[in-house]
Amino acid sequence: SLDEYFAAYEAAGGVKVDRARFRFWLLYRTLWWALG
């Protein structure tokens, strides 16, 4: 799950996950690969 993944990332010192920013990048990289 995303919750498990984000928790592991944050526990290891990663930045606090912003869900809206995550959604932007999910869309952006899907678009990026479509053009790729």
PDB file of all heavy atoms in Angstrom:
ATOM      1  N   SER A   1       0.820  -1.204   0.000  1.00  0.00           N
ATOM      2  CA  SER A   1       0.000   0.000   0.000  1.00  0.00           C
ATOM      3  C   SER A   1       0.858   1.260   0.000  1.00  0.00           C
ATOM      4  O   SER A   1       2.024   1.247   0.407  1.00  0.00           O
ATOM      5  CB  SER A   1      -0.910   0.018   1.231  1.00  0.00           C
ATOM      6  OG  SER A   1      -0.150   0.264   2.400  1.00  0.00           O
ATOM      7  N   LEU A   2       0.252   2.356  -0.438  1.00  0.00           N
ATOM      8  CA  LEU A   2       0.946   3.638  -0.396  1.00  0.00           C
ATOM      9  C   LEU A   2       1.234   4.052   1.038  1.00  0.00           C
ATOM     10  O   LEU A   2       2.308   4.611   1.331  1.00  0.00           O
ATOM     11  CB  LEU A   2       0.108   4.712  -1.091  1.00  0.00           C
ATOM     12  CG  LEU A   2      -0.050   4.577  -2.610  1.00  0.00           C
ATOM     13  CD1 LEU A   2      -0.930   5.703  -3.142  1.00  0.00           C
ATOM     14  CD2 LEU A   2       1.299   4.574  -3.314  1.00  0.00           C
ATOM     15  N   ASP A   3       0.313   3.789   1.952  1.00  0.00           N
ATOM     16  CA  ASP A   3       0.541   4.168   3.347  1.00  0.00           C
ATOM     17  C   ASP A   3       1.787   3.491   3.906  1.00  0.00           C
ATOM     18  O   ASP A   3       2.610   4.125   4.583  1.00  0.00           O
ATOM     19  CB  ASP A   3      -0.676   3.808   4.207  1.00  0.00           C
ATOM     20  CG  ASP A   3      -1.870   4.724   3.953  1.00  0.00           C
ATOM     21  OD1 ASP A   3      -1.662   5.821   3.392  1.00  0.00           O
ATOM     22  OD2 ASP A   3      -2.999   4.333   4.299  1.00  0.00           O
ATOM     23  N   GLU A   4       1.940   2.198   3.632  1.00  0.00           N
ATOM     24  CA  GLU A   4       3.122   1.469   4.113  1.00  0.00           C
ATOM     25  C   GLU A   4       4.396   2.023   3.490  1.00  0.00           C
ATOM     26  O   GLU A   4       5.421   2.195   4.163  1.00  0.00           O
ATOM     27  CB  GLU A   4       2.995  -0.012   3.769  1.00  0.00           C
ATOM     28  CG  GLU A   4       1.894  -0.766   4.484  1.00  0.00           C
ATOM     29  CD  GLU A   4       1.778  -2.186   3.942  1.00  0.00           C
ATOM     30  OE1 GLU A   4       1.289  -2.359   2.815  1.00  0.00           O
ATOM     31  OE2 GLU A   4       2.201  -3.120   4.659  1.00  0.00           O
ATOM     32  N   TYR A   5       4.338   2.291   2.199  1.00  0.00           N
ATOM     33  CA  TYR A   5       5.498   2.796   1.470  1.00  0.00           C
ATOM     34  C   TYR A   5       5.912   4.169   1.984  1.00  0.00           C
ATOM     35  O   TYR A   5       7.087   4.406   2.288  1.00  0.00           O
ATOM     36  CB  TYR A   5       5.147   2.835  -0.017  1.00  0.00           C
ATOM     37  CG  TYR A   5       6.191   3.426  -0.920  1.00  0.00           C
ATOM     38  CD1 TYR A   5       7.538   3.107  -0.794  1.00  0.00           C
ATOM     39  CD2 TYR A   5       5.812   4.295  -1.948  1.00  0.00           C
ATOM     40  CE1 TYR A   5       8.481   3.642  -1.662  1.00  0.00           C
ATOM     41  CE2 TYR A   5       6.747   4.827  -2.818  1.00  0.00           C
ATOM     42  CZ  TYR A   5       8.082   4.506  -2.667  1.00  0.00           C
ATOM     43  OH  TYR A   5       9.006   5.038  -3.526  1.00  0.00           O
ATOM     44  N   PHE A   6       4.946   5.062   2.116  1.00  0.00           N
ATOM     45  CA  PHE A   6       5.256   6.408   2.594  1.00  0.00           C
ATOM     46  C   PHE A   6       5.792   6.367   4.022  1.00  0.00           C
ATOM     47  O   PHE A   6       6.719   7.111   4.370  1.00  0.00           O
ATOM     48  CB  PHE A   6       4.015   7.297   2.527  1.00  0.00           C
ATOM     49  CG  PHE A   6       3.513   7.564   1.135  1.00  0.00           C
ATOM     50  CD1 PHE A   6       2.219   8.034   0.930  1.00  0.00           C
ATOM     51  CD2 PHE A   6       4.318   7.350   0.022  1.00  0.00           C
ATOM     52  CE1 PHE A   6       1.747   8.296  -0.349  1.00  0.00           C
ATOM     53  CE2 PHE A   6       3.850   7.603  -1.267  1.00  0.00           C
ATOM     54  CZ  PHE A   6       2.561   8.074  -1.457  1.00  0.00           C
ATOM     55  N   ALA A   7       5.212   5.514   4.850  1.00  0.00           N
ATOM     56  CA  ALA A   7       5.671   5.426   6.241  1.00  0.00           C
ATOM     57  C   ALA A   7       7.119   4.947   6.309  1.00  0.00           C
ATOM     58  O   ALA A   7       7.926   5.468   7.098  1.00  0.00           O
ATOM     59  CB  ALA A   7       4.765   4.475   7.030  1.00  0.00           C
ATOM     60  N   ALA A   8       7.468   3.958   5.471  1.00  0.00           N
ATOM     61  CA  ALA A   8       8.846   3.458   5.453  1.00  0.00           C
ATOM     62  C   ALA A   8       9.802   4.539   4.981  1.00  0.00           C
ATOM     63  O   ALA A   8      10.911   4.693   5.521  1.00  0.00           O
ATOM     64  CB  ALA A   8       8.943   2.222   4.565  1.00  0.00           C
ATOM     65  N   TYR A   9       9.397   5.271   3.965  1.00  0.00           N
ATOM     66  CA  TYR A   9      10.237   6.348   3.427  1.00  0.00           C
ATOM     67  C   TYR A   9      10.460   7.447   4.468  1.00  0.00           C
ATOM     68  O   TYR A   9      11.593   7.898   4.696  1.00  0.00           O
ATOM     69  CB  TYR A   9       9.574   6.915   2.175  1.00  0.00           C
ATOM     70  CG  TYR A   9      10.233   8.147   1.597  1.00  0.00           C
ATOM     71  CD1 TYR A   9      11.409   8.048   0.862  1.00  0.00           C
ATOM     72  CD2 TYR A   9       9.670   9.411   1.776  1.00  0.00           C
ATOM     73  CE1 TYR A   9      12.013   9.174   0.329  1.00  0.00           C
ATOM     74  CE2 TYR A   9      10.262  10.541   1.242  1.00  0.00           C
ATOM     75  CZ  TYR A   9      11.431  10.417   0.521  1.00  0.00           C
ATOM     76  OH  TYR A   9      12.028  11.539  -0.009  1.00  0.00           O
ATOM     77  N   GLU A  10       9.391   7.872   5.119  1.00  0.00           N
ATOM     78  CA  GLU A  10       9.504   8.938   6.108  1.00  0.00           C
ATOM     79  C   GLU A  10      10.293   8.475   7.328  1.00  0.00           C
ATOM     80  O   GLU A  10      11.094   9.230   7.893  1.00  0.00           O
ATOM     81  CB  GLU A  10       8.113   9.424   6.519  1.00  0.00           C
ATOM     82  CG  GLU A  10       7.372  10.153   5.398  1.00  0.00           C
ATOM     83  CD  GLU A  10       5.938  10.513   5.783  1.00  0.00           C
ATOM     84  OE1 GLU A  10       5.524  10.163   6.916  1.00  0.00           O
ATOM     85  OE2 GLU A  10       5.237  11.127   4.959  1.00  0.00           O
ATOM     86  N   ALA A  11      10.102   7.215   7.751  1.00  0.00           N
ATOM     87  CA  ALA A  11      10.822   6.690   8.911  1.00  0.00           C
ATOM     88  C   ALA A  11      12.325   6.636   8.670  1.00  0.00           C
ATOM     89  O   ALA A  11      13.124   6.730   9.613  1.00  0.00           O
ATOM     90  CB  ALA A  11      10.303   5.297   9.266  1.00  0.00           C
ATOM     91  N   ALA A  12      12.718   6.502   7.395  1.00  0.00           N
ATOM     92  CA  ALA A  12      14.144   6.436   7.048  1.00  0.00           C
ATOM     93  C   ALA A  12      14.742   7.812   6.803  1.00  0.00           C
ATOM     94  O   ALA A  12      15.901   7.908   6.388  1.00  0.00           O
ATOM     95  CB  ALA A  12      14.340   5.558   5.819  1.00  0.00           C
ATOM     96  N   GLY A  13      13.973   8.863   7.049  1.00  0.00           N
ATOM     97  CA  GLY A  13      14.503  10.216   6.906  1.00  0.00           C
ATOM     98  C   GLY A  13      14.039  10.950   5.675  1.00  0.00           C
ATOM     99  O   GLY A  13      14.499  12.065   5.410  1.00  0.00           O
ATOM    100  N   GLY A  14      13.133  10.351   4.898  1.00  0.00           N
ATOM    101  CA  GLY A  14      12.627  11.033   3.714  1.00  0.00           C
ATOM    102  C   GLY A  14      11.713  12.189   4.060  1.00  0.00           C
ATOM    103  O   GLY A  14      11.226  12.309   5.194  1.00  0.00           O
ATOM    104  N   VAL A  15      11.463  13.066   3.085  1.00  0.00           N
ATOM    105  CA  VAL A  15      10.603  14.221   3.324  1.00  0.00           C
ATOM    106  C   VAL A  15       9.183  13.757   3.639  1.00  0.00           C
ATOM    107  O   VAL A  15       8.766  12.660   3.264  1.00  0.00           O
ATOM    108  CB  VAL A  15      10.580  15.158   2.097  1.00  0.00           C
ATOM    109  CG1 VAL A  15      11.978  15.652   1.774  1.00  0.00           C
ATOM    110  CG2 VAL A  15       9.964  14.474   0.882  1.00  0.00           C
ATOM    111  N   LYS A  16       8.436  14.598   4.336  1.00  0.00           N
ATOM    112  CA  LYS A  16       7.031  14.324   4.590  1.00  0.00           C
ATOM    113  C   LYS A  16       6.286  14.286   3.255  1.00  0.00           C
ATOM    114  O   LYS A  16       6.361  15.217   2.453  1.00  0.00           O
ATOM    115  CB  LYS A  16       6.423  15.408   5.489  1.00  0.00           C
ATOM    116  CG  LYS A  16       4.938  15.265   5.762  1.00  0.00           C
ATOM    117  CD  LYS A  16       4.645  14.059   6.634  1.00  0.00           C
ATOM    118  CE  LYS A  16       3.159  13.977   6.983  1.00  0.00           C
ATOM    119  NZ  LYS A  16       2.837  12.745   7.757  1.00  0.00           N
ATOM    120  N   VAL A  17       5.568  13.204   3.005  1.00  0.00           N
ATOM    121  CA  VAL A  17       4.930  13.021   1.706  1.00  0.00           C
ATOM    122  C   VAL A  17       3.700  13.913   1.597  1.00  0.00           C
ATOM    123  O   VAL A  17       2.829  13.922   2.474  1.00  0.00           O
ATOM    124  CB  VAL A  17       4.544  11.551   1.488  1.00  0.00           C
ATOM    125  CG1 VAL A  17       3.817  11.392   0.153  1.00  0.00           C
ATOM    126  CG2 VAL A  17       5.779  10.664   1.534  1.00  0.00           C
ATOM    127  N   ASP A  18       3.636  14.669   0.518  1.00  0.00           N
ATOM    128  CA  ASP A  18       2.504  15.526   0.189  1.00  0.00           C
ATOM    129  C   ASP A  18       1.675  14.782  -0.869  1.00  0.00           C
ATOM    130  O   ASP A  18       2.115  14.582  -1.995  1.00  0.00           O
ATOM    131  CB  ASP A  18       3.025  16.854  -0.356  1.00  0.00           C
ATOM    132  CG  ASP A  18       1.925  17.831  -0.740  1.00  0.00           C
ATOM    133  OD1 ASP A  18       0.844  17.382  -1.165  1.00  0.00           O
ATOM    134  OD2 ASP A  18       2.149  19.052  -0.639  1.00  0.00           O
ATOM    135  N   ARG A  19       0.460  14.361  -0.517  1.00  0.00           N
ATOM    136  CA  ARG A  19      -0.341  13.527  -1.416  1.00  0.00           C
ATOM    137  C   ARG A  19      -0.696  14.251  -2.717  1.00  0.00           C
ATOM    138  O   ARG A  19      -0.738  13.633  -3.788  1.00  0.00           O
ATOM    139  CB  ARG A  19      -1.622  13.073  -0.713  1.00  0.00           C
ATOM    140  CG  ARG A  19      -1.409  12.209   0.522  1.00  0.00           C
ATOM    141  CD  ARG A  19      -0.999  10.812   0.169  1.00  0.00           C
ATOM    142  NE  ARG A  19      -0.830   9.975   1.355  1.00  0.00           N
ATOM    143  CZ  ARG A  19      -1.307   8.742   1.481  1.00  0.00           C
ATOM    144  NH1 ARG A  19      -1.991   8.201   0.501  1.00  0.00           N
ATOM    145  NH2 ARG A  19      -1.097   8.043   2.584  1.00  0.00           N
ATOM    146  N   ALA A  20      -0.943  15.549  -2.657  1.00  0.00           N
ATOM    147  CA  ALA A  20      -1.273  16.296  -3.873  1.00  0.00           C
ATOM    148  C   ALA A  20      -0.059  16.371  -4.798  1.00  0.00           C
ATOM    149  O   ALA A  20      -0.179  16.226  -6.019  1.00  0.00           O
ATOM    150  CB  ALA A  20      -1.773  17.693  -3.518  1.00  0.00           C
ATOM    151  N   ARG A  21       1.112  16.595  -4.212  1.00  0.00           N
ATOM    152  CA  ARG A  21       2.337  16.635  -5.008  1.00  0.00           C
ATOM    153  C   ARG A  21       2.631  15.252  -5.603  1.00  0.00           C
ATOM    154  O   ARG A  21       3.058  15.136  -6.749  1.00  0.00           O
ATOM    155  CB  ARG A  21       3.490  17.129  -4.133  1.00  0.00           C
ATOM    156  CG  ARG A  21       4.775  17.425  -4.888  1.00  0.00           C
ATOM    157  CD  ARG A  21       5.832  17.998  -3.945  1.00  0.00           C
ATOM    158  NE  ARG A  21       5.548  19.372  -3.584  1.00  0.00           N
ATOM    159  CZ  ARG A  21       6.001  20.431  -4.251  1.00  0.00           C
ATOM    160  NH1 ARG A  21       6.769  20.262  -5.321  1.00  0.00           N
ATOM    161  NH2 ARG A  21       5.713  21.648  -3.865  1.00  0.00           N
ATOM    162  N   PHE A  22       2.384  14.217  -4.820  1.00  0.00           N
ATOM    163  CA  PHE A  22       2.549  12.851  -5.315  1.00  0.00           C
ATOM    164  C   PHE A  22       1.633  12.608  -6.511  1.00  0.00           C
ATOM    165  O   PHE A  22       2.059  12.037  -7.526  1.00  0.00           O
ATOM    166  CB  PHE A  22       2.241  11.848  -4.205  1.00  0.00           C
ATOM    167  CG  PHE A  22       2.249  10.411  -4.640  1.00  0.00           C
ATOM    168  CD1 PHE A  22       3.429   9.690  -4.682  1.00  0.00           C
ATOM    169  CD2 PHE A  22       1.065   9.770  -4.997  1.00  0.00           C
ATOM    170  CE1 PHE A  22       3.438   8.353  -5.081  1.00  0.00           C
ATOM    171  CE2 PHE A  22       1.068   8.438  -5.402  1.00  0.00           C
ATOM    172  CZ  PHE A  22       2.259   7.731  -5.436  1.00  0.00           C
ATOM    173  N   ARG A  23       0.381  13.041  -6.438  1.00  0.00           N
ATOM    174  CA  ARG A  23      -0.561  12.858  -7.548  1.00  0.00           C
ATOM    175  C   ARG A  23      -0.080  13.593  -8.792  1.00  0.00           C
ATOM    176  O   ARG A  23      -0.172  13.061  -9.912  1.00  0.00           O
ATOM    177  CB  ARG A  23      -1.955  13.344  -7.145  1.00  0.00           C
ATOM    178  CG  ARG A  23      -2.966  13.350  -8.300  1.00  0.00           C
ATOM    179  CD  ARG A  23      -4.386  13.584  -7.806  1.00  0.00           C
ATOM    180  NE  ARG A  23      -5.296  13.943  -8.881  1.00  0.00           N
ATOM    181  CZ  ARG A  23      -5.782  13.080  -9.776  1.00  0.00           C
ATOM    182  NH1 ARG A  23      -5.433  11.815  -9.733  1.00  0.00           N
ATOM    183  NH2 ARG A  23      -6.620  13.487 -10.726  1.00  0.00           N
ATOM    184  N   PHE A  24       0.439  14.807  -8.619  1.00  0.00           N
ATOM    185  CA  PHE A  24       0.960  15.526  -9.782  1.00  0.00           C
ATOM    186  C   PHE A  24       2.033  14.701 -10.478  1.00  0.00           C
ATOM    187  O   PHE A  24       2.016  14.537 -11.700  1.00  0.00           O
ATOM    188  CB  PHE A  24       1.545  16.884  -9.377  1.00  0.00           C
ATOM    189  CG  PHE A  24       2.294  17.559 -10.504  1.00  0.00           C
ATOM    190  CD1 PHE A  24       1.613  18.316 -11.436  1.00  0.00           C
ATOM    191  CD2 PHE A  24       3.669  17.383 -10.651  1.00  0.00           C
ATOM    192  CE1 PHE A  24       2.296  18.900 -12.504  1.00  0.00           C
ATOM    193  CE2 PHE A  24       4.359  17.967 -11.715  1.00  0.00           C
ATOM    194  CZ  PHE A  24       3.665  18.724 -12.641  1.00  0.00           C
ATOM    195  N   TRP A  25       2.970  14.179  -9.689  1.00  0.00           N
ATOM    196  CA  TRP A  25       4.089  13.465 -10.310  1.00  0.00           C
ATOM    197  C   TRP A  25       3.650  12.121 -10.884  1.00  0.00           C
ATOM    198  O   TRP A  25       4.216  11.657 -11.873  1.00  0.00           O
ATOM    199  CB  TRP A  25       5.226  13.293  -9.309  1.00  0.00           C
ATOM    200  CG  TRP A  25       6.005  14.567  -9.159  1.00  0.00           C
ATOM    201  CD1 TRP A  25       6.024  15.396  -8.083  1.00  0.00           C
ATOM    202  CD2 TRP A  25       6.859  15.160 -10.144  1.00  0.00           C
ATOM    203  NE1 TRP A  25       6.843  16.476  -8.327  1.00  0.00           N
ATOM    204  CE2 TRP A  25       7.361  16.360  -9.580  1.00  0.00           C
ATOM    205  CE3 TRP A  25       7.240  14.806 -11.432  1.00  0.00           C
ATOM    206  CZ2 TRP A  25       8.237  17.195 -10.282  1.00  0.00           C
ATOM    207  CZ3 TRP A  25       8.106  15.638 -12.129  1.00  0.00           C
ATOM    208  CH2 TRP A  25       8.597  16.813 -11.556  1.00  0.00           C
ATOM    209  N   LEU A  26       2.633  11.504 -10.322  1.00  0.00           N
ATOM    210  CA  LEU A  26       2.105  10.264 -10.892  1.00  0.00           C
ATOM    211  C   LEU A  26       1.533  10.544 -12.283  1.00  0.00           C
ATOM    212  O   LEU A  26       1.778   9.785 -13.237  1.00  0.00           O
ATOM    213  CB  LEU A  26       1.034   9.687  -9.969  1.00  0.00           C
ATOM    214  CG  LEU A  26       0.556   8.266 -10.252  1.00  0.00           C
ATOM    215  CD1 LEU A  26       1.697   7.263 -10.116  1.00  0.00           C
ATOM    216  CD2 LEU A  26      -0.582   7.891  -9.309  1.00  0.00           C
ATOM    217  N   LEU A  27       0.810  11.635 -12.405  1.00  0.00           N
ATOM    218  CA  LEU A  27       0.265  12.023 -13.700  1.00  0.00           C
ATOM    219  C   LEU A  27       1.371  12.474 -14.650  1.00  0.00           C
ATOM    220  O   LEU A  27       1.402  12.085 -15.823  1.00  0.00           O
ATOM    221  CB  LEU A  27      -0.759  13.144 -13.514  1.00  0.00           C
ATOM    222  CG  LEU A  27      -2.211  12.686 -13.451  1.00  0.00           C
ATOM    223  CD1 LEU A  27      -3.063  13.570 -12.581  1.00  0.00           C
ATOM    224  CD2 LEU A  27      -2.789  12.612 -14.863  1.00  0.00           C
ATOM    225  N   TYR A  28       2.293  13.286 -14.139  1.00  0.00           N
ATOM    226  CA  TYR A  28       3.353  13.815 -14.994  1.00  0.00           C
ATOM    227  C   TYR A  28       4.192  12.686 -15.580  1.00  0.00           C
ATOM    228  O   TYR A  28       4.476  12.666 -16.779  1.00  0.00           O
ATOM    229  CB  TYR A  28       4.243  14.774 -14.194  1.00  0.00           C
ATOM    230  CG  TYR A  28       5.418  15.304 -14.998  1.00  0.00           C
ATOM    231  CD1 TYR A  28       5.331  16.532 -15.652  1.00  0.00           C
ATOM    232  CD2 TYR A  28       6.604  14.571 -15.125  1.00  0.00           C
ATOM    233  CE1 TYR A  28       6.387  17.010 -16.416  1.00  0.00           C
ATOM    234  CE2 TYR A  28       7.664  15.040 -15.890  1.00  0.00           C
ATOM    235  CZ  TYR A  28       7.553  16.257 -16.518  1.00  0.00           C
ATOM    236  OH  TYR A  28       8.602  16.721 -17.285  1.00  0.00           O
ATOM    237  N   ARG A  29       4.612  11.723 -14.756  1.00  0.00           N
ATOM    238  CA  ARG A  29       5.475  10.670 -15.272  1.00  0.00           C
ATOM    239  C   ARG A  29       4.717   9.699 -16.173  1.00  0.00           C
ATOM    240  O   ARG A  29       5.294   9.102 -17.079  1.00  0.00           O
ATOM    241  CB  ARG A  29       6.155   9.922 -14.124  1.00  0.00           C
ATOM    242  CG  ARG A  29       7.256  10.700 -13.404  1.00  0.00           C
ATOM    243  CD  ARG A  29       8.339  11.263 -14.303  1.00  0.00           C
ATOM    244  NE  ARG A  29       9.124  10.301 -15.031  1.00  0.00           N
ATOM    245  CZ  ARG A  29      10.318   9.826 -14.645  1.00  0.00           C
ATOM    246  NH1 ARG A  29      10.856  10.224 -13.491  1.00  0.00           N
ATOM    247  NH2 ARG A  29      10.982   8.980 -15.391  1.00  0.00           N
ATOM    248  N   THR A  30       3.402   9.538 -15.959  1.00  0.00           N
ATOM    249  CA  THR A  30       2.600   8.749 -16.894  1.00  0.00           C
ATOM    250  C   THR A  30       2.546   9.458 -18.243  1.00  0.00           C
ATOM    251  O   THR A  30       2.691   8.826 -19.310  1.00  0.00           O
ATOM    252  CB  THR A  30       1.188   8.519 -16.340  1.00  0.00           C
ATOM    253  OG1 THR A  30       1.275   7.894 -15.048  1.00  0.00           O
ATOM    254  CG2 THR A  30       0.371   7.627 -17.260  1.00  0.00           C
ATOM    255  N   LEU A  31       2.349  10.764 -18.218  1.00  0.00           N
ATOM    256  CA  LEU A  31       2.404  11.579 -19.435  1.00  0.00           C
ATOM    257  C   LEU A  31       3.786  11.484 -20.079  1.00  0.00           C
ATOM    258  O   LEU A  31       3.911  11.312 -21.303  1.00  0.00           O
ATOM    259  CB  LEU A  31       2.070  13.030 -19.082  1.00  0.00           C
ATOM    260  CG  LEU A  31       2.384  14.106 -20.130  1.00  0.00           C
ATOM    261  CD1 LEU A  31       1.516  13.904 -21.363  1.00  0.00           C
ATOM    262  CD2 LEU A  31       2.182  15.499 -19.530  1.00  0.00           C
ATOM    263  N   TRP A  32       4.820  11.599 -19.274  1.00  0.00           N
ATOM    264  CA  TRP A  32       6.205  11.520 -19.754  1.00  0.00           C
ATOM    265  C   TRP A  32       6.456  10.206 -20.484  1.00  0.00           C
ATOM    266  O   TRP A  32       7.069  10.192 -21.557  1.00  0.00           O
ATOM    267  CB  TRP A  32       7.138  11.672 -18.560  1.00  0.00           C
ATOM    268  CG  TRP A  32       8.595  11.459 -18.833  1.00  0.00           C
ATOM    269  CD1 TRP A  32       9.498  12.390 -19.253  1.00  0.00           C
ATOM    270  CD2 TRP A  32       9.341  10.240 -18.667  1.00  0.00           C
ATOM    271  NE1 TRP A  32      10.760  11.831 -19.370  1.00  0.00           N
ATOM    272  CE2 TRP A  32      10.681  10.515 -19.018  1.00  0.00           C
ATOM    273  CE3 TRP A  32       9.000   8.957 -18.261  1.00  0.00           C
ATOM    274  CZ2 TRP A  32      11.680   9.534 -18.971  1.00  0.00           C
ATOM    275  CZ3 TRP A  32       9.992   7.973 -18.216  1.00  0.00           C
ATOM    276  CH2 TRP A  32      11.311   8.271 -18.565  1.00  0.00           C
ATOM    277  N   TRP A  33       5.965   9.098 -19.937  1.00  0.00           N
ATOM    278  CA  TRP A  33       6.193   7.812 -20.568  1.00  0.00           C
ATOM    279  C   TRP A  33       5.334   7.655 -21.814  1.00  0.00           C
ATOM    280  O   TRP A  33       5.756   7.026 -22.786  1.00  0.00           O
ATOM    281  CB  TRP A  33       5.961   6.686 -19.581  1.00  0.00           C
ATOM    282  CG  TRP A  33       6.253   5.312 -20.103  1.00  0.00           C
ATOM    283  CD1 TRP A  33       5.473   4.203 -19.967  1.00  0.00           C
ATOM    284  CD2 TRP A  33       7.405   4.872 -20.847  1.00  0.00           C
ATOM    285  NE1 TRP A  33       6.058   3.113 -20.566  1.00  0.00           N
ATOM    286  CE2 TRP A  33       7.243   3.489 -21.118  1.00  0.00           C
ATOM    287  CE3 TRP A  33       8.549   5.521 -21.309  1.00  0.00           C
ATOM    288  CZ2 TRP A  33       8.178   2.743 -21.845  1.00  0.00           C
ATOM    289  CZ3 TRP A  33       9.493   4.775 -22.032  1.00  0.00           C
ATOM    290  CH2 TRP A  33       9.295   3.409 -22.283  1.00  0.00           C
ATOM    291  N   ALA A  34       4.131   8.239 -21.838  1.00  0.00           N
ATOM    292  CA  ALA A  34       3.322   8.216 -23.056  1.00  0.00           C
ATOM    293  C   ALA A  34       4.081   8.875 -24.204  1.00  0.00           C
ATOM    294  O   ALA A  34       4.139   8.346 -25.324  1.00  0.00           O
ATOM    295  CB  ALA A  34       1.989   8.928 -22.828  1.00  0.00           C
ATOM    296  N   LEU A  35       4.688  10.019 -23.929  1.00  0.00           N
ATOM    297  CA  LEU A  35       5.467  10.703 -24.949  1.00  0.00           C
ATOM    298  C   LEU A  35       6.769   9.976 -25.239  1.00  0.00           C
ATOM    299  O   LEU A  35       7.270   9.999 -26.367  1.00  0.00           O
ATOM    300  CB  LEU A  35       5.739  12.144 -24.514  1.00  0.00           C
ATOM    301  CG  LEU A  35       4.515  13.053 -24.598  1.00  0.00           C
ATOM    302  CD1 LEU A  35       4.742  14.341 -23.847  1.00  0.00           C
ATOM    303  CD2 LEU A  35       4.161  13.345 -26.051  1.00  0.00           C
ATOM    304  N   GLY A  36       7.321   9.304 -24.220  1.00  0.00           N
ATOM    305  CA  GLY A  36       8.510   8.494 -24.435  1.00  0.00           C
ATOM    306  C   GLY A  36       8.240   7.372 -25.419  1.00  0.00           C
ATOM    307  O   GLY A  36       9.085   7.047 -26.266  1.00  0.00           O
TER     308      GLY A  36
END
